[in-house]
Amino acid sequence: MTNRVETIRQALEKALSPSQLEIEDQSHLHVGHAGARDGRGHFHITVAAAAFVDQSLMSRHRMIYAALGQLMETDIHALSITATEPN
């Protein structure tokens, strides 16, 4: 069974072809939190992609949420995002 971090990685790589992608599962920091009780996780992602060039921060976040699609309802409770253009 593929773990959630790997599933998130695959979705973002497929949609955005990032030059940098780091995914940190921070779920352990939220044990007991009301939103964590349903089993979905808390994650921080850092992603740099050419697709972000000339895009607003809001547009970048929308692209990420679109790439993650159903995972936002089944696997992800909270998502912290750092989205940049490649260096």
Protein backbone atom coordinates (compact mmCIF):
# COMPACT_ATOMS: atom_id res chain seq x y z
CA MET A 1 0.00 0.00 0.00
CA THR A 2 1.33 3.41 -0.99
CA ASN A 3 1.57 5.82 1.92
CA ARG A 4 -0.07 9.25 1.84
CA VAL A 5 3.16 11.19 1.32
CA GLU A 6 3.98 9.08 -1.74
CA THR A 7 0.43 9.44 -3.07
CA ILE A 8 0.65 13.23 -2.68
CA ARG A 9 4.09 13.22 -4.34
CA GLN A 10 2.81 11.26 -7.33
CA ALA A 11 -0.18 13.57 -7.82
CA LEU A 12 1.93 16.73 -7.69
CA GLU A 13 4.69 15.33 -9.90
CA LYS A 14 2.15 14.25 -12.51
CA ALA A 15 0.35 17.60 -12.59
CA LEU A 16 3.19 20.08 -12.07
CA SER A 17 6.51 18.40 -12.95
CA PRO A 18 8.18 20.29 -10.09
CA SER A 19 11.88 21.03 -9.99
CA GLN A 20 11.68 20.85 -6.18
CA LEU A 21 9.17 18.98 -4.05
CA GLU A 22 9.31 18.36 -0.32
CA ILE A 23 6.40 16.89 1.61
CA GLU A 24 6.36 16.75 5.39
CA ASP A 25 3.73 14.78 7.24
CA GLN A 26 2.98 16.89 10.32
CA SER A 27 0.05 14.77 11.49
CA HIS A 28 1.86 13.76 14.66
CA LEU A 29 1.78 17.41 15.76
CA HIS A 30 -2.02 17.44 15.65
CA VAL A 31 -2.94 14.28 17.54
CA GLY A 32 -6.14 14.95 19.44
CA HIS A 33 -7.04 17.92 17.23
CA ALA A 34 -10.70 17.80 16.25
CA GLY A 35 -9.88 17.84 12.55
CA ALA A 36 -7.46 14.95 12.85
CA ARG A 37 -9.99 12.56 14.33
CA ASP A 38 -11.30 11.51 10.92
CA GLY A 39 -7.92 9.98 10.06
CA ARG A 40 -6.88 12.53 7.46
CA GLY A 41 -3.45 14.11 7.83
CA HIS A 42 -1.75 17.46 8.19
CA PHE A 43 0.99 18.16 5.64
CA HIS A 44 3.42 20.90 4.65
CA ILE A 45 4.59 20.99 1.05
CA THR A 46 7.32 23.04 -0.54
CA VAL A 47 7.08 23.01 -4.32
CA ALA A 48 8.85 24.90 -7.08
CA ALA A 49 7.54 24.50 -10.61
CA ALA A 50 7.84 26.24 -13.97
CA ALA A 51 4.04 26.17 -14.10
CA PHE A 52 4.08 28.82 -11.33
CA VAL A 53 5.93 31.43 -13.41
CA ASP A 54 3.80 34.57 -13.70
CA GLN A 55 1.09 33.04 -11.49
CA SER A 56 -0.24 34.71 -8.35
CA LEU A 57 0.08 32.95 -5.01
CA MET A 58 -3.67 32.23 -5.12
CA SER A 59 -3.34 30.67 -8.59
CA ARG A 60 -0.43 28.52 -7.44
CA HIS A 61 -2.44 27.23 -4.51
CA ARG A 62 -5.41 26.52 -6.76
CA MET A 63 -3.14 24.53 -9.09
CA ILE A 64 -1.91 22.48 -6.15
CA TYR A 65 -5.41 21.83 -4.82
CA ALA A 66 -6.56 20.84 -8.32
CA ALA A 67 -3.61 18.43 -8.61
CA LEU A 68 -4.49 16.85 -5.27
CA GLY A 69 -8.18 16.62 -6.15
CA GLN A 70 -9.95 13.86 -4.22
CA LEU A 71 -7.02 13.51 -1.80
CA MET A 72 -8.24 16.73 -0.14
CA GLU A 73 -11.40 14.87 0.86
CA THR A 74 -9.96 11.43 1.62
CA ASP A 75 -6.40 11.88 2.93
CA ILE A 76 -5.62 15.53 3.68
CA HIS A 77 -7.22 17.53 6.46
CA ALA A 78 -4.82 20.48 6.47
CA LEU A 79 -2.24 21.62 3.96
CA SER A 80 0.43 24.28 4.45
CA ILE A 81 1.97 25.37 1.14
CA THR A 82 5.15 27.10 0.03
CA ALA A 83 4.89 27.47 -3.77
CA THR A 84 7.62 29.21 -5.74
CA GLU A 85 9.06 29.55 -9.20
CA PRO A 86 12.22 27.50 -9.85
CA ASN A 87 15.55 29.23 -9.21
